[in-house]
Amino acid sequence: MTDLQIAGVSKAYGRGRPDEAPVLDGLDLTVPSGAFAAVLGPSGCGKTTLLRIIAGFLRADAGTVTVGGRTLAAPGTHLPPESRRVGIVPQEGALFPHLSVARNTAFGLSGLDRAARRRRTEEMLELVGLGGYGDRMPHELSGGQQQRIALARALAPEPAVVLLDEPFNALDSALRAGVRADVRAALRATGATALLVTHDQQEALSTADLVAVVRDGKVAQCDTPQEVYRHPADPWVARFVGDVVLLPGSADDGTATTALGRLPLGPAARDAGDGTVLLRPEQLQLTDAATAVQGTVTEVSFYGHDAMVTVDVDGLATPVEIRVAGFTGVRPGQRTGIRVTGEATLHS
């Protein structure tokens, strides 16, 4: 088993100054064996600090880190990085420019004879789709290929956990999705437990089995990408992981009364009370039909695969955003009806 357990981990850089807030503040996180988890959060929330503590590059002030029941860090215990069985894929590959692809891949393979090292290297290059590239030099590879070699190098020693430190940032958007899919497939093939550190919401939601949203040094929510997106823990998480429509509302008998009408709430909704109702822009639809909710289009932002339409709703102080597929033909100044689909979420 290679499950990753992080319990009560704290870290501050202020040398004990009372005005210095900790970067990590009693953070808890569990990643099951073989799972791919993403740690998602804004700059400065502690993502990279957490990764460095797991890798052994940094000592935590408090808390424990275990992998498969083996303690890597705890009060009085700090295994050195080379003893942790933790592989790292850094930003931009960080390959050794003077070593061939094969020698880069085999860099961490100590204790094996030459034939075994060669076999393992060839296996890893085949795994990441670069079989036959062993004699090339890093400067002869594309950015995506360099990231695949960095992954092969991290996987070659058969680590218990693989840490990925925003490894796709340097890639252009057209290449990024393909490399992410290849990396995910390679990790699945080895069965390694993986932790991706990122600030890219789409990257986390589309790649990971679990998404841990970090805020102020703690995990604000950890769940499947679907649950984090559809049932965020609070409005801050909702705004951070995607576009959101927030409305004042009053709940009663499993529904909420809002400016967009009476909306069904999810099964975890409170029985009654006032709060903030959350919807995603794709749950709102434009309609020509006469509906109880009407508004005026004020802006249309076209993105190719979809468009975001901003509407001033009659009787609502703030505009709402509606995501529609492709080009709809609507224009600013046009009157429209609005229909809501699916369940809403209510937060106090």
Protein backbone atom coordinates (compact mmCIF):
# COMPACT_ATOMS: atom_id res chain seq x y z
CA MET A 1 0.00 0.00 0.00
CA THR A 2 1.23 3.50 -0.84
CA ASP A 3 -1.48 5.70 0.63
CA LEU A 4 -0.31 9.19 1.61
CA GLN A 5 -1.41 10.48 5.01
CA ILE A 6 -0.79 14.09 6.05
CA ALA A 7 -2.01 14.99 9.52
CA GLY A 8 -1.84 18.36 11.31
CA VAL A 9 1.07 19.68 9.25
CA SER A 10 2.05 23.27 10.05
CA LYS A 11 4.85 25.48 8.79
CA ALA A 12 5.71 29.14 9.35
CA TYR A 13 8.65 31.13 8.01
CA GLY A 14 8.46 33.99 10.49
CA ARG A 15 11.01 32.66 13.00
CA GLY A 16 8.38 32.77 15.74
CA ARG A 17 7.23 36.36 15.23
CA PRO A 18 3.69 36.67 16.63
CA ASP A 19 2.51 38.69 13.60
CA GLU A 20 3.59 36.03 11.10
CA ALA A 21 0.74 33.80 9.92
CA PRO A 22 1.73 30.19 9.22
CA VAL A 23 1.91 29.10 5.59
CA LEU A 24 0.44 25.72 6.57
CA ASP A 25 -1.83 25.64 9.58
CA GLY A 26 -2.70 22.12 10.75
CA LEU A 27 -3.32 20.79 7.24
CA ASP A 28 -4.88 17.33 6.89
CA LEU A 29 -5.00 15.33 3.66
CA THR A 30 -5.40 11.66 2.76
CA VAL A 31 -4.62 10.29 -0.71
CA PRO A 32 -5.60 6.62 -1.17
CA SER A 33 -3.10 4.16 -2.60
CA GLY A 34 -2.83 4.50 -6.38
CA ALA A 35 -4.97 7.66 -6.55
CA PHE A 36 -4.10 10.84 -8.43
CA ALA A 37 -4.83 13.87 -6.25
CA ALA A 38 -4.51 17.56 -7.06
CA VAL A 39 -3.75 20.25 -4.51
CA LEU A 40 -5.40 23.37 -5.87
CA GLY A 41 -5.18 26.85 -4.45
CA PRO A 42 -4.17 30.47 -5.05
CA SER A 43 -0.60 31.71 -4.89
CA GLY A 44 0.74 31.80 -1.35
CA CYS A 45 -1.74 29.27 0.08
CA GLY A 46 1.00 26.74 0.95
CA LYS A 47 0.90 24.31 -2.01
CA THR A 48 4.62 24.32 -2.75
CA THR A 49 5.51 24.29 0.94
CA LEU A 50 3.42 21.14 1.36
CA LEU A 51 5.15 19.47 -1.58
CA ARG A 52 8.61 20.33 -0.18
CA ILE A 53 7.67 18.88 3.22
CA ILE A 54 6.46 15.61 1.64
CA ALA A 55 9.64 15.39 -0.44
CA GLY A 56 11.83 16.01 2.61
CA PHE A 57 13.34 19.27 1.38
CA LEU A 58 11.73 21.17 4.25
CA ARG A 59 10.98 20.31 7.87
CA ALA A 60 7.44 20.82 9.16
CA ASP A 61 6.97 22.68 12.44
CA ALA A 62 4.30 20.17 13.47
CA GLY A 63 2.35 17.22 12.15
CA THR A 64 3.13 13.91 10.46
CA VAL A 65 3.61 12.57 6.93
CA THR A 66 3.30 8.83 6.31
CA VAL A 67 3.28 6.70 3.16
CA GLY A 68 1.89 3.20 3.37
CA GLY A 69 2.16 3.35 7.15
CA ARG A 70 5.85 4.34 6.99
CA THR A 71 6.59 7.60 8.80
CA LEU A 72 8.51 10.11 6.71
CA ALA A 73 8.11 13.11 8.99
CA ALA A 74 6.92 13.53 12.58
CA PRO A 75 8.08 15.26 15.75
CA GLY A 76 11.65 14.00 16.18
CA THR A 77 11.65 12.19 12.81
CA HIS A 78 12.78 13.51 9.43
CA LEU A 79 13.85 11.02 6.78
CA PRO A 80 16.21 12.51 4.18
CA PRO A 81 14.78 12.91 0.65
CA GLU A 82 16.80 10.02 -0.76
CA SER A 83 15.28 7.62 1.78
CA ARG A 84 11.61 8.50 1.20
CA ARG A 85 10.83 6.73 -2.09
CA VAL A 86 9.28 9.93 -3.37
CA GLY A 87 9.70 10.91 -7.03
CA ILE A 88 9.43 14.50 -8.23
CA VAL A 89 8.47 15.99 -11.59
CA PRO A 90 9.49 19.67 -11.40
CA GLN A 91 8.39 22.59 -13.52
CA GLU A 92 9.82 22.65 -17.06
CA GLY A 93 11.34 19.16 -16.78
CA ALA A 94 14.69 20.31 -15.30
CA LEU A 95 16.59 17.68 -17.28
CA PHE A 96 20.39 17.53 -17.13
CA PRO A 97 21.40 19.22 -20.40
CA HIS A 98 24.72 17.32 -20.71
CA LEU A 99 23.13 13.87 -20.33
CA SER A 100 21.28 11.89 -22.99
CA VAL A 101 17.60 11.03 -22.59
CA ALA A 102 18.55 7.52 -21.48
CA ARG A 103 21.05 8.76 -18.90
CA ASN A 104 18.55 11.33 -17.60
CA THR A 105 15.95 8.59 -17.19
CA ALA A 106 18.39 6.25 -15.44
CA PHE A 107 19.80 8.91 -13.13
CA GLY A 108 18.08 7.61 -9.98
CA LEU A 109 18.67 3.92 -10.66
CA SER A 110 21.36 3.00 -8.16
CA GLY A 111 22.13 -0.54 -7.07
CA LEU A 112 21.33 -2.11 -10.46
CA ASP A 113 23.81 -3.64 -12.86
CA ARG A 114 24.21 -2.16 -16.32
CA ALA A 115 21.84 -4.59 -18.04
CA ALA A 116 19.09 -4.03 -15.45
CA ARG A 117 19.49 -0.26 -15.70
CA ARG A 118 19.19 -0.44 -19.47
CA ARG A 119 16.07 -2.62 -19.30
CA ARG A 120 14.39 -0.35 -16.76
CA THR A 121 15.27 2.74 -18.79
CA GLU A 122 13.81 1.24 -21.96
CA GLU A 123 10.65 0.24 -20.08
CA MET A 124 10.16 3.79 -18.80
CA LEU A 125 10.75 5.38 -22.21
CA GLU A 126 8.21 3.02 -23.76
CA LEU A 127 5.77 3.82 -20.95
CA VAL A 128 5.87 7.56 -21.69
CA GLY A 129 5.69 7.02 -25.45
CA LEU A 130 9.31 7.88 -26.22
CA GLY A 131 10.80 4.48 -26.97
CA GLY A 132 13.86 4.85 -29.20
CA TYR A 133 14.65 8.37 -27.98
CA GLY A 134 17.37 7.28 -25.54
CA ASP A 135 20.32 8.61 -27.54
CA ARG A 136 18.86 12.08 -28.03
CA MET A 137 19.85 15.11 -25.97
CA PRO A 138 17.32 17.22 -24.04
CA HIS A 139 17.70 20.22 -26.38
CA GLU A 140 16.52 18.00 -29.26
CA LEU A 141 13.14 17.42 -27.57
CA SER A 142 9.99 19.51 -27.50
CA GLY A 143 8.68 20.88 -24.21
CA GLY A 144 6.09 18.13 -23.97
CA GLN A 145 8.68 15.44 -24.63
CA GLN A 146 10.94 16.88 -21.95
CA GLN A 147 8.11 16.65 -19.43
CA ARG A 148 7.55 13.01 -20.37
CA ILE A 149 11.24 12.28 -19.78
CA ALA A 150 11.04 14.04 -16.40
CA LEU A 151 8.16 11.72 -15.53
CA ALA A 152 10.08 8.65 -16.73
CA ARG A 153 13.02 9.70 -14.55
CA ALA A 154 10.74 10.09 -11.52
CA LEU A 155 9.04 6.71 -12.10
CA ALA A 156 12.17 4.69 -12.88
CA PRO A 157 13.16 3.97 -9.23
CA GLU A 158 9.59 2.75 -8.52
CA PRO A 159 8.67 5.44 -5.98
CA ALA A 160 5.77 5.02 -3.59
CA VAL A 161 4.58 8.58 -4.29
CA VAL A 162 5.13 10.90 -7.26
CA LEU A 163 4.92 14.67 -6.72
CA LEU A 164 4.20 16.91 -9.70
CA ASP A 165 5.03 20.58 -9.17
CA GLU A 166 2.95 22.49 -11.75
CA PRO A 167 4.70 20.53 -14.52
CA PHE A 168 2.57 21.78 -17.42
CA ASN A 169 2.93 25.54 -16.91
CA ALA A 170 5.55 26.04 -19.61
CA LEU A 171 3.51 24.22 -22.29
CA ASP A 172 1.21 25.98 -24.71
CA SER A 173 -2.51 25.34 -24.32
CA ALA A 174 -2.75 23.12 -27.42
CA LEU A 175 -0.04 20.77 -26.09
CA ARG A 176 -0.98 20.85 -22.41
CA ALA A 177 -4.09 18.66 -22.55
CA GLY A 178 -2.32 15.90 -24.47
CA VAL A 179 0.67 15.81 -22.14
CA ARG A 180 -1.63 15.76 -19.09
CA ALA A 181 -3.47 12.76 -20.51
CA ASP A 182 -0.18 10.96 -21.24
CA VAL A 183 1.14 11.64 -17.74
CA ARG A 184 -2.07 10.40 -16.15
CA ALA A 185 -1.99 7.21 -18.26
CA ALA A 186 1.64 6.52 -17.31
CA LEU A 187 0.91 6.98 -13.60
CA ARG A 188 -2.09 4.67 -13.86
CA ALA A 189 0.06 2.03 -15.56
CA THR A 190 2.55 2.00 -12.68
CA GLY A 191 -0.05 2.23 -9.91
CA ALA A 192 1.88 5.00 -8.18
CA THR A 193 0.15 7.39 -5.80
CA ALA A 194 0.47 10.89 -7.25
CA LEU A 195 0.03 14.43 -5.97
CA LEU A 196 -0.22 17.32 -8.43
CA VAL A 197 0.31 20.86 -7.17
CA THR A 198 -1.43 23.42 -9.38
CA HIS A 199 -3.28 26.73 -9.44
CA ASP A 200 -5.08 25.79 -12.68
CA GLN A 201 -8.68 24.82 -11.94
CA GLN A 202 -9.29 23.10 -15.28
CA GLU A 203 -6.09 21.10 -14.89
CA ALA A 204 -7.10 19.86 -11.45
CA LEU A 205 -10.71 19.05 -12.35
CA SER A 206 -9.88 17.25 -15.60
CA THR A 207 -6.86 15.26 -14.38
CA ALA A 208 -7.27 14.24 -10.75
CA ASP A 209 -9.31 11.59 -8.93
CA LEU A 210 -9.42 13.85 -5.88
CA VAL A 211 -9.16 17.63 -5.63
CA ALA A 212 -8.02 19.26 -2.39
CA VAL A 213 -8.74 23.00 -2.38
CA VAL A 214 -6.34 24.79 -0.03
CA ARG A 215 -7.12 28.12 1.62
CA ASP A 216 -5.06 29.87 4.30
CA GLY A 217 -2.92 26.81 4.96
CA LYS A 218 -5.80 24.35 5.40
CA VAL A 219 -7.79 22.06 3.13
CA ALA A 220 -11.11 23.84 2.61
CA GLN A 221 -12.59 20.86 0.74
CA CYS A 222 -11.32 17.52 -0.56
CA ASP A 223 -13.53 15.39 -2.78
CA THR A 224 -13.94 14.14 -6.32
CA PRO A 225 -13.75 16.83 -9.02
CA GLN A 226 -17.48 16.40 -9.66
CA GLU A 227 -18.42 16.96 -6.02
CA VAL A 228 -16.10 19.93 -5.55
CA TYR A 229 -17.58 21.60 -8.63
CA ARG A 230 -21.22 20.68 -8.10
CA HIS A 231 -21.37 20.88 -4.30
CA PRO A 232 -18.62 23.25 -3.11
CA ALA A 233 -18.12 23.61 0.62
CA ASP A 234 -18.71 27.37 0.59
CA PRO A 235 -18.99 30.33 -1.80
CA TRP A 236 -15.22 30.94 -1.77
CA VAL A 237 -14.53 27.39 -2.99
CA ALA A 238 -17.31 27.77 -5.55
CA ARG A 239 -15.75 30.94 -6.98
CA PHE A 240 -12.25 29.50 -6.98
CA VAL A 241 -13.00 26.30 -8.90
CA GLY A 242 -15.14 27.90 -11.61
CA ASP A 243 -17.58 30.56 -12.71
CA VAL A 244 -20.54 30.88 -10.39
CA VAL A 245 -23.86 32.66 -9.99
CA LEU A 246 -24.55 33.68 -6.38
CA LEU A 247 -28.02 34.82 -5.34
CA PRO A 248 -29.66 35.68 -2.05
CA GLY A 249 -32.33 33.13 -1.28
CA SER A 250 -34.63 31.64 1.32
CA ALA A 251 -34.96 27.86 1.70
CA ASP A 252 -38.05 25.93 2.70
CA ASP A 253 -39.16 22.35 2.09
CA GLY A 254 -36.22 21.45 -0.18
CA THR A 255 -36.47 24.50 -2.44
CA ALA A 256 -35.07 28.03 -2.45
CA THR A 257 -36.89 31.21 -3.39
CA THR A 258 -34.65 33.51 -5.47
CA ALA A 259 -34.84 36.27 -8.07
CA LEU A 260 -34.56 33.51 -10.70
CA GLY A 261 -37.60 31.69 -9.33
CA ARG A 262 -38.14 28.80 -6.95
CA LEU A 263 -35.25 26.36 -7.33
CA PRO A 264 -34.84 22.75 -6.11
CA LEU A 265 -32.00 22.20 -3.67
CA GLY A 266 -29.68 19.22 -3.37
CA PRO A 267 -30.28 16.40 -0.86
CA ALA A 268 -27.94 17.96 1.72
CA ALA A 269 -29.89 21.24 1.84
CA ARG A 270 -31.14 22.67 5.10
CA ASP A 271 -34.85 22.48 5.80
CA ALA A 272 -35.32 26.25 6.10
CA GLY A 273 -33.49 29.54 6.42
CA ASP A 274 -31.87 32.39 4.49
CA GLY A 275 -28.53 32.15 2.74
CA THR A 276 -26.63 32.33 -0.54
CA VAL A 277 -27.86 30.18 -3.41
CA LEU A 278 -25.21 28.87 -5.77
CA LEU A 279 -25.66 27.98 -9.45
CA ARG A 280 -23.19 27.35 -12.26
CA PRO A 281 -23.57 29.49 -15.41
CA GLU A 282 -24.34 26.43 -17.54
CA GLN A 283 -27.43 25.78 -15.42
CA LEU A 284 -29.00 28.98 -16.77
CA GLN A 285 -30.57 28.98 -20.22
CA LEU A 286 -31.67 31.79 -22.52
CA THR A 287 -35.16 31.36 -23.92
CA ASP A 288 -37.46 33.22 -26.27
CA ALA A 289 -40.48 31.90 -24.40
CA ALA A 290 -42.40 34.12 -22.04
CA THR A 291 -41.08 33.27 -18.58
CA ALA A 292 -41.47 34.78 -15.16
CA VAL A 293 -37.79 35.83 -15.24
CA GLN A 294 -36.78 38.39 -17.86
CA GLY A 295 -33.66 40.43 -18.44
CA THR A 296 -31.52 42.41 -20.87
CA VAL A 297 -28.30 41.14 -22.43
CA THR A 298 -25.46 43.54 -21.64
CA GLU A 299 -22.39 41.65 -22.88
CA VAL A 300 -21.43 38.56 -24.90
CA SER A 301 -17.94 37.01 -24.59
CA PHE A 302 -17.30 34.40 -27.30
CA TYR A 303 -14.72 31.64 -26.65
CA GLY A 304 -15.29 29.38 -29.64
CA HIS A 305 -16.62 26.23 -27.98
CA ASP A 306 -18.92 28.32 -25.80
CA ALA A 307 -19.87 31.88 -24.94
CA MET A 308 -20.61 33.74 -21.71
CA VAL A 309 -23.66 35.98 -21.85
CA THR A 310 -24.11 38.65 -19.17
CA VAL A 311 -27.71 39.54 -18.40
CA ASP A 312 -29.20 42.27 -16.20
CA VAL A 313 -32.16 40.48 -14.61
CA ASP A 314 -35.26 42.51 -13.86
CA GLY A 315 -35.47 43.08 -10.11
CA LEU A 316 -31.93 41.80 -9.38
CA ALA A 317 -29.21 44.26 -8.35
CA THR A 318 -26.29 42.32 -9.84
CA PRO A 319 -26.04 40.81 -13.36
CA VAL A 320 -25.83 37.05 -13.92
CA GLU A 321 -23.61 35.15 -16.33
CA ILE A 322 -25.03 32.40 -18.55
CA ARG A 323 -22.80 29.90 -20.37
CA VAL A 324 -24.15 28.81 -23.75
CA ALA A 325 -22.77 26.43 -26.36
CA GLY A 326 -21.11 28.02 -29.38
CA PHE A 327 -22.42 31.17 -31.02
CA THR A 328 -26.01 32.00 -30.10
CA GLY A 329 -26.57 35.15 -32.12
CA VAL A 330 -27.69 37.15 -29.10
CA ARG A 331 -26.54 40.76 -28.93
CA PRO A 332 -26.22 43.38 -26.19
CA GLY A 333 -29.51 45.20 -25.67
CA GLN A 334 -31.62 42.16 -26.54
CA ARG A 335 -34.41 41.14 -24.15
CA THR A 336 -34.47 37.50 -23.09
CA GLY A 337 -36.16 35.04 -20.81
CA ILE A 338 -34.13 32.92 -18.36
CA ARG A 339 -34.75 29.34 -17.31
CA VAL A 340 -32.83 27.44 -14.60
CA THR A 341 -32.08 23.70 -14.82
CA GLY A 342 -30.82 21.26 -12.20
CA GLU A 343 -30.37 21.65 -8.46
CA ALA A 344 -29.01 24.65 -6.63
CA THR A 345 -26.83 24.67 -3.51
CA LEU A 346 -27.55 26.82 -0.46
CA HIS A 347 -24.91 28.18 1.91
CA SER A 348 -25.50 30.22 5.03
